[in-house]
């Protein structure tokens, strides 16, 4: 008699199942959710680092083709496929000239595009508290700065400025009515 070989084996609380994944979410669901969000944040940071490397390579001169850009990135430790590289080129607004890829003209160069503020708030914000004209926003560890940068880019009249630490953002509003209005807007994004 032939023994079945498992395609996937998972040991969970002493139980072993073959051929299918079984995950149960109960009291640990919050921990799993935070793990998944941290993984997505790390992916986002990897993208940011890769795009900064692309900009750094192009600061030293234009690159003739995507293959050359791939080689330069591989030397810097980024193994990247053609599809990913094409998305990065589009995201960074790079232009293809007769001499190859180069940084966009005007605006003083390309910046790294952040995801929409609604997505960042939905994925990383845990709590919002107001104190007079100030809002204190608690986020998942390590995600306060991208959220604050996205809030700064919105040009909302309720936001005078932001200060971000590792997991906390302080938002200064003109007055407490504007702070209440902004808190409501952010809570709507949380769903």
Foldseek 3Di string as FASTA:
>chain_A
DDDDDAPDWDADPNDIDGDDDDDDDDPCVVVVLLVVLVVVVVVVVVLVVLLVQLQVVQVVHADADVVRSCVSSVVVPDRDDPVSSVVSCVQFVWDQDPRHTHFDDPPPTGDHDADALLVLLQRWWDDWDDDWQKIKTFTRFQSFVSNQVNVVVVPDQQFPHWDGDGGMIITGGPGRVSVVVVVVVSVVSND
